Amino acid sequence: MLLTACALPPALAPAPSPIEPAPATAAVRTLLAPTGVLRVGVYAGSPLSLLEREDPTRHAGLSHDLGQEMARWLDVPFELARFERLADLMVAMGQGEVDFTVTWKSDIYGNDVNYSLPLLDLEQGYLARPGTRLREAADLNTLAARQGGVKLGVLRGAGAQAPLARRHPQIEIVLLGSYTEATDRLAAGQIEAFAASKSVLFPMADRLGGGARVLDGRWGLETVVIAIPKGRQSAMSYLSRFVLSVRREGYLQAAVRRADLRGAVEPDIR
């Protein structure tokens, strides 16, 4: 596991310590921050992006913390470009209005952005409803075979419906519009479990209480990367040096702890 125990609550964990930067040429600086400012795309509420706190110096999230460090490497100002949704952020990046963000690698945006080497992988798993007796992912199929009528929620448009339907042929896949709806359906016992990234499921379980739990096991992995606009390929080697450095020197691990990002594992590519 990449995420290790932290002696302090995440909200009190210190900011990651800066690491020795690789020198950036003027050409690289112009490619990665063409306006002279590194515009870091974020959407609030996600540990991958931005977690806002009362004291702005304690804001967290991988886009926030890694964006600050990249701006320091480039010796340019750091600026947050805020969006309501990831989809809006990625559209803006495709139009060259955002320079940098941390997200999961997806073919959906492949024509508009370039992706870095992997930062980490996130396990995709299941959150079982309050009062559940389930312990492992395999228990879902066992329950469906025994009693039928088992319902598994998944976000509409997340691309998870088909793989989950293949994995759970006896379970009804229920498409949901938001994480809030998923939480409400779980609390009401209208779905047996909800499938998503464990980075989302663990905080949902904390809020639900009542014995709601993230089941042991996983149904997939998401690769987390840095995205930059298409057309800046000449800066990719510098971006690779940045990724390898933040992983090797512990900066990434500190950012993960501060954001309380759970379900993170070391990527296969090192």
C-alpha atoms as a PDB file:
ATOM      1  CA  MET A   1       0.000   0.000   0.000  1.00  0.00           C
ATOM      2  CA  LEU A   2       1.191   3.505  -0.790  1.00  0.00           C
ATOM      3  CA  LEU A   3      -0.824   5.135   1.968  1.00  0.00           C
ATOM      4  CA  THR A   4       0.785   4.727   5.365  1.00  0.00           C
ATOM      5  CA  ALA A   5      -0.422   5.554   8.840  1.00  0.00           C
ATOM      6  CA  CYS A   6      -0.156   9.165   9.960  1.00  0.00           C
ATOM      7  CA  ALA A   7       0.230  10.156  13.606  1.00  0.00           C
ATOM      8  CA  LEU A   8      -1.875  13.307  13.086  1.00  0.00           C
ATOM      9  CA  PRO A   9      -5.431  13.675  11.764  1.00  0.00           C
ATOM     10  CA  PRO A  10      -5.273  14.477   8.016  1.00  0.00           C
ATOM     11  CA  ALA A  11      -6.510  18.049   8.586  1.00  0.00           C
ATOM     12  CA  LEU A  12      -3.534  18.691  10.882  1.00  0.00           C
ATOM     13  CA  ALA A  13      -0.909  16.860   8.841  1.00  0.00           C
ATOM     14  CA  PRO A  14       1.874  19.173   7.627  1.00  0.00           C
ATOM     15  CA  ALA A  15       2.227  20.159   4.007  1.00  0.00           C
ATOM     16  CA  PRO A  16       4.653  17.990   2.024  1.00  0.00           C
ATOM     17  CA  SER A  17       8.249  19.180   2.257  1.00  0.00           C
ATOM     18  CA  PRO A  18       9.591  20.711  -0.968  1.00  0.00           C
ATOM     19  CA  ILE A  19      12.086  18.590  -2.880  1.00  0.00           C
ATOM     20  CA  GLU A  20      15.108  19.514  -4.977  1.00  0.00           C
ATOM     21  CA  PRO A  21      13.767  20.733  -8.343  1.00  0.00           C
ATOM     22  CA  ALA A  22      15.125  19.804 -11.734  1.00  0.00           C
ATOM     23  CA  PRO A  23      16.256  22.933 -13.603  1.00  0.00           C
ATOM     24  CA  ALA A  24      13.598  24.107 -16.066  1.00  0.00           C
ATOM     25  CA  THR A  25      14.629  25.706 -19.345  1.00  0.00           C
ATOM     26  CA  ALA A  26      12.786  28.743 -20.623  1.00  0.00           C
ATOM     27  CA  ALA A  27      11.217  26.549 -23.306  1.00  0.00           C
ATOM     28  CA  VAL A  28       9.864  24.071 -20.747  1.00  0.00           C
ATOM     29  CA  ARG A  29       8.574  26.901 -18.565  1.00  0.00           C
ATOM     30  CA  THR A  30       6.771  28.426 -21.551  1.00  0.00           C
ATOM     31  CA  LEU A  31       5.217  25.096 -22.508  1.00  0.00           C
ATOM     32  CA  LEU A  32       3.960  24.180 -19.038  1.00  0.00           C
ATOM     33  CA  ALA A  33       2.944  27.686 -17.923  1.00  0.00           C
ATOM     34  CA  PRO A  34       2.451  29.721 -21.118  1.00  0.00           C
ATOM     35  CA  THR A  35       0.790  32.668 -19.323  1.00  0.00           C
ATOM     36  CA  GLY A  36       3.623  32.911 -16.798  1.00  0.00           C
ATOM     37  CA  VAL A  37       1.357  31.402 -14.126  1.00  0.00           C
ATOM     38  CA  LEU A  38       0.712  27.682 -13.534  1.00  0.00           C
ATOM     39  CA  ARG A  39      -3.077  27.393 -13.720  1.00  0.00           C
ATOM     40  CA  VAL A  40      -3.961  24.294 -11.701  1.00  0.00           C
ATOM     41  CA  GLY A  41      -7.429  22.899 -12.385  1.00  0.00           C
ATOM     42  CA  VAL A  42      -9.342  21.720  -9.296  1.00  0.00           C
ATOM     43  CA  TYR A  43     -12.841  20.740  -8.200  1.00  0.00           C
ATOM     44  CA  ALA A  44     -13.635  20.916  -4.496  1.00  0.00           C
ATOM     45  CA  GLY A  45     -14.445  17.921  -2.331  1.00  0.00           C
ATOM     46  CA  SER A  46     -12.162  15.327  -3.918  1.00  0.00           C
ATOM     47  CA  PRO A  47      -8.912  14.116  -2.297  1.00  0.00           C
ATOM     48  CA  LEU A  48      -7.515  13.775  -5.812  1.00  0.00           C
ATOM     49  CA  SER A  49      -8.171  17.447  -6.464  1.00  0.00           C
ATOM     50  CA  LEU A  50      -8.921  19.927  -3.647  1.00  0.00           C
ATOM     51  CA  LEU A  51     -10.046  19.652  -0.030  1.00  0.00           C
ATOM     52  CA  GLU A  52     -10.753  23.153   1.268  1.00  0.00           C
ATOM     53  CA  ARG A  53     -10.210  23.966   4.937  1.00  0.00           C
ATOM     54  CA  GLU A  54     -10.902  27.058   7.033  1.00  0.00           C
ATOM     55  CA  ASP A  55      -7.201  27.904   7.039  1.00  0.00           C
ATOM     56  CA  PRO A  56      -6.174  28.147   3.351  1.00  0.00           C
ATOM     57  CA  THR A  57      -2.630  27.095   4.247  1.00  0.00           C
ATOM     58  CA  ARG A  58      -4.101  23.698   5.158  1.00  0.00           C
ATOM     59  CA  HIS A  59      -5.913  23.126   1.867  1.00  0.00           C
ATOM     60  CA  ALA A  60      -5.076  19.638   0.592  1.00  0.00           C
ATOM     61  CA  GLY A  61      -5.660  17.371  -2.407  1.00  0.00           C
ATOM     62  CA  LEU A  62      -3.236  15.965  -4.952  1.00  0.00           C
ATOM     63  CA  SER A  63      -3.914  18.573  -7.657  1.00  0.00           C
ATOM     64  CA  HIS A  64      -3.424  21.330  -5.074  1.00  0.00           C
ATOM     65  CA  ASP A  65      -0.248  19.980  -3.464  1.00  0.00           C
ATOM     66  CA  LEU A  66       1.451  18.691  -6.615  1.00  0.00           C
ATOM     67  CA  GLY A  67       0.450  21.825  -8.510  1.00  0.00           C
ATOM     68  CA  GLN A  68       2.113  23.979  -5.858  1.00  0.00           C
ATOM     69  CA  GLU A  69       5.290  21.933  -6.116  1.00  0.00           C
ATOM     70  CA  MET A  70       5.331  22.039  -9.922  1.00  0.00           C
ATOM     71  CA  ALA A  71       4.920  25.834  -9.815  1.00  0.00           C
ATOM     72  CA  ARG A  72       7.892  25.991  -7.439  1.00  0.00           C
ATOM     73  CA  TRP A  73       9.949  23.815  -9.806  1.00  0.00           C
ATOM     74  CA  LEU A  74       9.089  26.132 -12.695  1.00  0.00           C
ATOM     75  CA  ASP A  75       9.608  29.256 -10.558  1.00  0.00           C
ATOM     76  CA  VAL A  76       6.236  30.690 -11.560  1.00  0.00           C
ATOM     77  CA  PRO A  77       3.177  31.742  -9.504  1.00  0.00           C
ATOM     78  CA  PHE A  78       0.575  29.112  -8.599  1.00  0.00           C
ATOM     79  CA  GLU A  79      -3.104  29.770  -9.348  1.00  0.00           C
ATOM     80  CA  LEU A  80      -6.182  27.612  -8.732  1.00  0.00           C
ATOM     81  CA  ALA A  81      -8.693  27.368 -11.589  1.00  0.00           C
ATOM     82  CA  ARG A  82     -11.886  26.134  -9.916  1.00  0.00           C
ATOM     83  CA  PHE A  83     -14.597  24.034 -11.542  1.00  0.00           C
ATOM     84  CA  GLU A  84     -17.781  22.353 -10.349  1.00  0.00           C
ATOM     85  CA  ARG A  85     -17.055  19.057 -12.101  1.00  0.00           C
ATOM     86  CA  LEU A  86     -14.096  17.159 -13.504  1.00  0.00           C
ATOM     87  CA  ALA A  87     -15.752  17.094 -16.936  1.00  0.00           C
ATOM     88  CA  ASP A  88     -15.841  20.912 -17.052  1.00  0.00           C
ATOM     89  CA  LEU A  89     -12.212  21.084 -15.945  1.00  0.00           C
ATOM     90  CA  MET A  90     -11.090  18.703 -18.696  1.00  0.00           C
ATOM     91  CA  VAL A  91     -12.986  20.645 -21.355  1.00  0.00           C
ATOM     92  CA  ALA A  92     -11.199  23.808 -20.217  1.00  0.00           C
ATOM     93  CA  MET A  93      -7.859  21.997 -20.320  1.00  0.00           C
ATOM     94  CA  GLY A  94      -8.579  20.859 -23.865  1.00  0.00           C
ATOM     95  CA  GLN A  95      -9.095  24.525 -24.747  1.00  0.00           C
ATOM     96  CA  GLY A  96      -5.768  25.499 -23.163  1.00  0.00           C
ATOM     97  CA  GLU A  97      -7.351  27.344 -20.220  1.00  0.00           C
ATOM     98  CA  VAL A  98      -5.850  25.011 -17.581  1.00  0.00           C
ATOM     99  CA  ASP A  99      -2.211  23.915 -17.428  1.00  0.00           C
ATOM    100  CA  PHE A 100      -2.109  21.104 -14.855  1.00  0.00           C
ATOM    101  CA  THR A 101      -4.355  18.748 -12.912  1.00  0.00           C
ATOM    102  CA  VAL A 102      -4.264  15.341 -11.244  1.00  0.00           C
ATOM    103  CA  THR A 103      -6.895  12.873 -12.398  1.00  0.00           C
ATOM    104  CA  TRP A 104      -7.342   9.262 -13.398  1.00  0.00           C
ATOM    105  CA  LYS A 105      -6.262   8.139 -16.848  1.00  0.00           C
ATOM    106  CA  SER A 106      -9.235   7.868 -19.197  1.00  0.00           C
ATOM    107  CA  ASP A 107      -9.680   7.382 -22.933  1.00  0.00           C
ATOM    108  CA  ILE A 108     -12.563   9.864 -22.762  1.00  0.00           C
ATOM    109  CA  TYR A 109     -10.180  12.839 -22.674  1.00  0.00           C
ATOM    110  CA  GLY A 110      -7.280  11.306 -24.587  1.00  0.00           C
ATOM    111  CA  ASN A 111      -7.730  13.555 -27.616  1.00  0.00           C
ATOM    112  CA  ASP A 112      -7.461  16.714 -25.515  1.00  0.00           C
ATOM    113  CA  VAL A 113      -4.715  15.998 -22.973  1.00  0.00           C
ATOM    114  CA  ASN A 114      -1.421  14.213 -22.449  1.00  0.00           C
ATOM    115  CA  TYR A 115      -0.977  11.992 -19.406  1.00  0.00           C
ATOM    116  CA  SER A 116       2.157  11.616 -17.285  1.00  0.00           C
ATOM    117  CA  LEU A 117       3.696   8.468 -15.927  1.00  0.00           C
ATOM    118  CA  PRO A 118       1.495   6.928 -13.202  1.00  0.00           C
ATOM    119  CA  LEU A 119       1.521   8.574  -9.791  1.00  0.00           C
ATOM    120  CA  LEU A 120      -0.399   5.779  -8.078  1.00  0.00           C
ATOM    121  CA  ASP A 121      -3.229   3.324  -8.580  1.00  0.00           C
ATOM    122  CA  LEU A 122      -6.575   3.486  -6.784  1.00  0.00           C
ATOM    123  CA  GLU A 123      -8.512   0.348  -5.993  1.00  0.00           C
ATOM    124  CA  GLN A 124     -12.115   0.164  -7.180  1.00  0.00           C
ATOM    125  CA  GLY A 125     -14.313  -1.640  -4.695  1.00  0.00           C
ATOM    126  CA  TYR A 126     -17.702  -1.935  -3.032  1.00  0.00           C
ATOM    127  CA  LEU A 127     -19.385  -0.137  -0.146  1.00  0.00           C
ATOM    128  CA  ALA A 128     -22.008  -2.335   1.533  1.00  0.00           C
ATOM    129  CA  ARG A 129     -25.069  -0.773   3.171  1.00  0.00           C
ATOM    130  CA  PRO A 130     -25.419  -0.171   6.925  1.00  0.00           C
ATOM    131  CA  GLY A 131     -26.248  -3.341   8.821  1.00  0.00           C
ATOM    132  CA  THR A 132     -24.659  -5.552   6.190  1.00  0.00           C
ATOM    133  CA  ARG A 133     -23.252  -8.979   6.952  1.00  0.00           C
ATOM    134  CA  LEU A 134     -21.049  -8.939   3.873  1.00  0.00           C
ATOM    135  CA  ARG A 135     -17.290  -8.949   4.398  1.00  0.00           C
ATOM    136  CA  GLU A 136     -15.704  -9.602   0.998  1.00  0.00           C
ATOM    137  CA  ALA A 137     -16.465  -8.692  -2.599  1.00  0.00           C
ATOM    138  CA  ALA A 138     -17.170 -12.356  -3.388  1.00  0.00           C
ATOM    139  CA  ASP A 139     -19.977 -12.333  -0.812  1.00  0.00           C
ATOM    140  CA  LEU A 140     -22.122 -10.284  -3.208  1.00  0.00           C
ATOM    141  CA  ASN A 141     -22.411 -13.151  -5.701  1.00  0.00           C
ATOM    142  CA  THR A 142     -22.965 -15.628  -2.874  1.00  0.00           C
ATOM    143  CA  LEU A 143     -25.838 -13.519  -1.561  1.00  0.00           C
ATOM    144  CA  ALA A 144     -27.355 -13.148  -5.044  1.00  0.00           C
ATOM    145  CA  ALA A 145     -27.224 -16.908  -5.642  1.00  0.00           C
ATOM    146  CA  ARG A 146     -28.897 -17.577  -2.304  1.00  0.00           C
ATOM    147  CA  GLN A 147     -31.732 -15.069  -2.283  1.00  0.00           C
ATOM    148  CA  GLY A 148     -31.883 -13.118  -5.554  1.00  0.00           C
ATOM    149  CA  GLY A 149     -33.038  -9.526  -5.946  1.00  0.00           C
ATOM    150  CA  VAL A 150     -29.647  -8.071  -4.999  1.00  0.00           C
ATOM    151  CA  LYS A 151     -29.048  -4.557  -6.344  1.00  0.00           C
ATOM    152  CA  LEU A 152     -25.654  -2.930  -6.897  1.00  0.00           C
ATOM    153  CA  GLY A 153     -25.421   0.818  -7.495  1.00  0.00           C
ATOM    154  CA  VAL A 154     -22.950   2.510  -9.832  1.00  0.00           C
ATOM    155  CA  LEU A 155     -22.615   6.071 -11.113  1.00  0.00           C
ATOM    156  CA  ARG A 156     -24.194   6.693 -14.497  1.00  0.00           C
ATOM    157  CA  GLY A 157     -21.525   7.465 -17.091  1.00  0.00           C
ATOM    158  CA  ALA A 158     -18.643   6.117 -15.008  1.00  0.00           C
ATOM    159  CA  GLY A 159     -17.969   3.276 -17.454  1.00  0.00           C
ATOM    160  CA  ALA A 160     -18.369   0.652 -14.738  1.00  0.00           C
ATOM    161  CA  GLN A 161     -21.738  -0.814 -15.728  1.00  0.00           C
ATOM    162  CA  ALA A 162     -20.471  -3.328 -18.300  1.00  0.00           C
ATOM    163  CA  PRO A 163     -17.540  -4.789 -16.309  1.00  0.00           C
ATOM    164  CA  LEU A 164     -19.674  -5.056 -13.174  1.00  0.00           C
ATOM    165  CA  ALA A 165     -22.512  -6.747 -15.078  1.00  0.00           C
ATOM    166  CA  ARG A 166     -20.045  -9.348 -16.362  1.00  0.00           C
ATOM    167  CA  ARG A 167     -18.637  -9.898 -12.887  1.00  0.00           C
ATOM    168  CA  HIS A 168     -22.071 -10.113 -11.234  1.00  0.00           C
ATOM    169  CA  PRO A 169     -24.491 -11.737 -13.722  1.00  0.00           C
ATOM    170  CA  GLN A 170     -27.144 -12.449 -11.063  1.00  0.00           C
ATOM    171  CA  ILE A 171     -27.135  -8.916  -9.636  1.00  0.00           C
ATOM    172  CA  GLU A 172     -29.209  -5.972 -10.886  1.00  0.00           C
ATOM    173  CA  ILE A 173     -27.000  -2.980 -11.720  1.00  0.00           C
ATOM    174  CA  VAL A 174     -28.711   0.277 -10.701  1.00  0.00           C
ATOM    175  CA  LEU A 175     -27.495   3.493 -12.376  1.00  0.00           C
ATOM    176  CA  LEU A 176     -27.301   6.460 -10.000  1.00  0.00           C
ATOM    177  CA  GLY A 177     -26.908  10.161 -10.683  1.00  0.00           C
ATOM    178  CA  SER A 178     -24.570  11.204  -7.874  1.00  0.00           C
ATOM    179  CA  TYR A 179     -22.662  10.113  -4.793  1.00  0.00           C
ATOM    180  CA  THR A 180     -25.359  11.781  -2.705  1.00  0.00           C
ATOM    181  CA  GLU A 181     -28.002   9.568  -4.294  1.00  0.00           C
ATOM    182  CA  ALA A 182     -25.809   6.524  -3.682  1.00  0.00           C
ATOM    183  CA  THR A 183     -25.460   7.453  -0.010  1.00  0.00           C
ATOM    184  CA  ASP A 184     -29.222   7.927   0.324  1.00  0.00           C
ATOM    185  CA  ARG A 185     -29.996   4.605  -1.405  1.00  0.00           C
ATOM    186  CA  LEU A 186     -27.539   2.744   0.825  1.00  0.00           C
ATOM    187  CA  ALA A 187     -28.944   4.344   3.971  1.00  0.00           C
ATOM    188  CA  ALA A 188     -32.477   3.359   2.929  1.00  0.00           C
ATOM    189  CA  GLY A 189     -31.445  -0.216   2.096  1.00  0.00           C
ATOM    190  CA  GLN A 190     -32.571   0.220  -1.524  1.00  0.00           C
ATOM    191  CA  ILE A 191     -29.253  -1.124  -2.826  1.00  0.00           C
ATOM    192  CA  GLU A 192     -27.052  -3.752  -1.219  1.00  0.00           C
ATOM    193  CA  ALA A 193     -23.806  -2.063  -2.200  1.00  0.00           C
ATOM    194  CA  PHE A 194     -22.302   0.725  -4.287  1.00  0.00           C
ATOM    195  CA  ALA A 195     -19.312   0.243  -6.603  1.00  0.00           C
ATOM    196  CA  ALA A 196     -16.766   3.041  -7.099  1.00  0.00           C
ATOM    197  CA  SER A 197     -13.202   4.082  -6.303  1.00  0.00           C
ATOM    198  CA  LYS A 198     -12.237   3.276  -2.728  1.00  0.00           C
ATOM    199  CA  SER A 199     -11.003   6.861  -2.404  1.00  0.00           C
ATOM    200  CA  VAL A 200     -14.698   7.812  -2.465  1.00  0.00           C
ATOM    201  CA  LEU A 201     -16.094   4.762  -0.667  1.00  0.00           C
ATOM    202  CA  PHE A 202     -14.131   5.079   2.586  1.00  0.00           C
ATOM    203  CA  PRO A 203     -15.363   8.648   3.304  1.00  0.00           C
ATOM    204  CA  MET A 204     -18.905   7.567   2.358  1.00  0.00           C
ATOM    205  CA  ALA A 205     -18.684   4.699   4.862  1.00  0.00           C
ATOM    206  CA  ASP A 206     -17.520   7.117   7.558  1.00  0.00           C
ATOM    207  CA  ARG A 207     -20.531   9.354   6.933  1.00  0.00           C
ATOM    208  CA  LEU A 208     -23.048   6.499   6.769  1.00  0.00           C
ATOM    209  CA  GLY A 209     -21.962   4.683   9.924  1.00  0.00           C
ATOM    210  CA  GLY A 210     -24.282   1.940  11.151  1.00  0.00           C
ATOM    211  CA  GLY A 211     -21.921  -0.815  10.118  1.00  0.00           C
ATOM    212  CA  ALA A 212     -21.566   0.288   6.486  1.00  0.00           C
ATOM    213  CA  ARG A 213     -18.240  -1.046   5.287  1.00  0.00           C
ATOM    214  CA  VAL A 214     -15.909  -1.147   2.319  1.00  0.00           C
ATOM    215  CA  LEU A 215     -15.629  -4.817   1.404  1.00  0.00           C
ATOM    216  CA  ASP A 216     -12.288  -6.597   1.169  1.00  0.00           C
ATOM    217  CA  GLY A 217     -11.198  -7.134  -2.425  1.00  0.00           C
ATOM    218  CA  ARG A 218     -11.556  -5.026  -5.550  1.00  0.00           C
ATOM    219  CA  TRP A 219     -13.073  -5.157  -9.014  1.00  0.00           C
ATOM    220  CA  GLY A 220     -10.545  -2.928 -10.753  1.00  0.00           C
ATOM    221  CA  LEU A 221      -7.823  -0.297 -10.585  1.00  0.00           C
ATOM    222  CA  GLU A 222      -7.746   3.337 -11.674  1.00  0.00           C
ATOM    223  CA  THR A 223      -4.405   4.833 -12.678  1.00  0.00           C
ATOM    224  CA  VAL A 224      -3.868   8.342 -11.293  1.00  0.00           C
ATOM    225  CA  VAL A 225      -1.758  10.680 -13.431  1.00  0.00           C
ATOM    226  CA  ILE A 226      -0.985  14.322 -14.123  1.00  0.00           C
ATOM    227  CA  ALA A 227      -2.772  15.730 -17.172  1.00  0.00           C
ATOM    228  CA  ILE A 228      -1.559  18.653 -19.280  1.00  0.00           C
ATOM    229  CA  PRO A 229      -3.065  20.071 -22.492  1.00  0.00           C
ATOM    230  CA  LYS A 230      -2.374  18.325 -25.789  1.00  0.00           C
ATOM    231  CA  GLY A 231       0.344  19.966 -27.844  1.00  0.00           C
ATOM    232  CA  ARG A 232       2.850  20.337 -25.016  1.00  0.00           C
ATOM    233  CA  GLN A 233       4.566  17.002 -25.638  1.00  0.00           C
ATOM    234  CA  SER A 234       8.029  18.565 -25.645  1.00  0.00           C
ATOM    235  CA  ALA A 235       7.653  19.098 -21.896  1.00  0.00           C
ATOM    236  CA  MET A 236       6.741  15.472 -21.150  1.00  0.00           C
ATOM    237  CA  SER A 237      10.288  14.413 -20.261  1.00  0.00           C
ATOM    238  CA  TYR A 238      10.427  17.174 -17.635  1.00  0.00           C
ATOM    239  CA  LEU A 239       7.020  16.093 -16.331  1.00  0.00           C
ATOM    240  CA  SER A 240       8.315  12.517 -16.068  1.00  0.00           C
ATOM    241  CA  ARG A 241      11.256  13.722 -13.958  1.00  0.00           C
ATOM    242  CA  PHE A 242       8.790  15.521 -11.706  1.00  0.00           C
ATOM    243  CA  VAL A 243       6.605  12.422 -11.253  1.00  0.00           C
ATOM    244  CA  LEU A 244       9.557  10.159 -10.482  1.00  0.00           C
ATOM    245  CA  SER A 245      10.969  12.689  -8.021  1.00  0.00           C
ATOM    246  CA  VAL A 246       7.756  13.231  -6.030  1.00  0.00           C
ATOM    247  CA  ARG A 247       7.316   9.462  -5.785  1.00  0.00           C
ATOM    248  CA  ARG A 248      10.921   8.724  -4.848  1.00  0.00           C
ATOM    249  CA  GLU A 249      11.401  11.571  -2.350  1.00  0.00           C
ATOM    250  CA  GLY A 250       8.180  11.017  -0.371  1.00  0.00           C
ATOM    251  CA  TYR A 251       6.382  14.191  -1.488  1.00  0.00           C
ATOM    252  CA  LEU A 252       3.540  12.242  -3.091  1.00  0.00           C
ATOM    253  CA  GLN A 253       3.133   9.976  -0.068  1.00  0.00           C
ATOM    254  CA  ALA A 254       2.872  13.018   2.222  1.00  0.00           C
ATOM    255  CA  ALA A 255       0.233  14.574  -0.054  1.00  0.00           C
ATOM    256  CA  VAL A 256      -1.725  11.294  -0.025  1.00  0.00           C
ATOM    257  CA  ARG A 257      -1.713  11.208   3.784  1.00  0.00           C
ATOM    258  CA  ARG A 258      -2.724  14.857   4.083  1.00  0.00           C
ATOM    259  CA  ALA A 259      -5.673  14.310   1.719  1.00  0.00           C
ATOM    260  CA  ASP A 260      -6.673  11.110   3.571  1.00  0.00           C
ATOM    261  CA  LEU A 261      -6.679   9.339   0.198  1.00  0.00           C
ATOM    262  CA  ARG A 262      -7.477   5.713   0.994  1.00  0.00           C
ATOM    263  CA  GLY A 263      -7.336   2.758  -1.381  1.00  0.00           C
ATOM    264  CA  ALA A 264      -4.068   3.953  -2.953  1.00  0.00           C
ATOM    265  CA  VAL A 265      -1.474   1.390  -4.069  1.00  0.00           C
ATOM    266  CA  GLU A 266       1.907   1.603  -5.771  1.00  0.00           C
ATOM    267  CA  PRO A 267       1.584   1.676  -9.583  1.00  0.00           C
ATOM    268  CA  ASP A 268       2.933  -1.201 -11.648  1.00  0.00           C
ATOM    269  CA  ILE A 269       5.239   1.147 -13.596  1.00  0.00           C
ATOM    270  CA  ARG A 270       8.001   2.383 -11.288  1.00  0.00           C
END
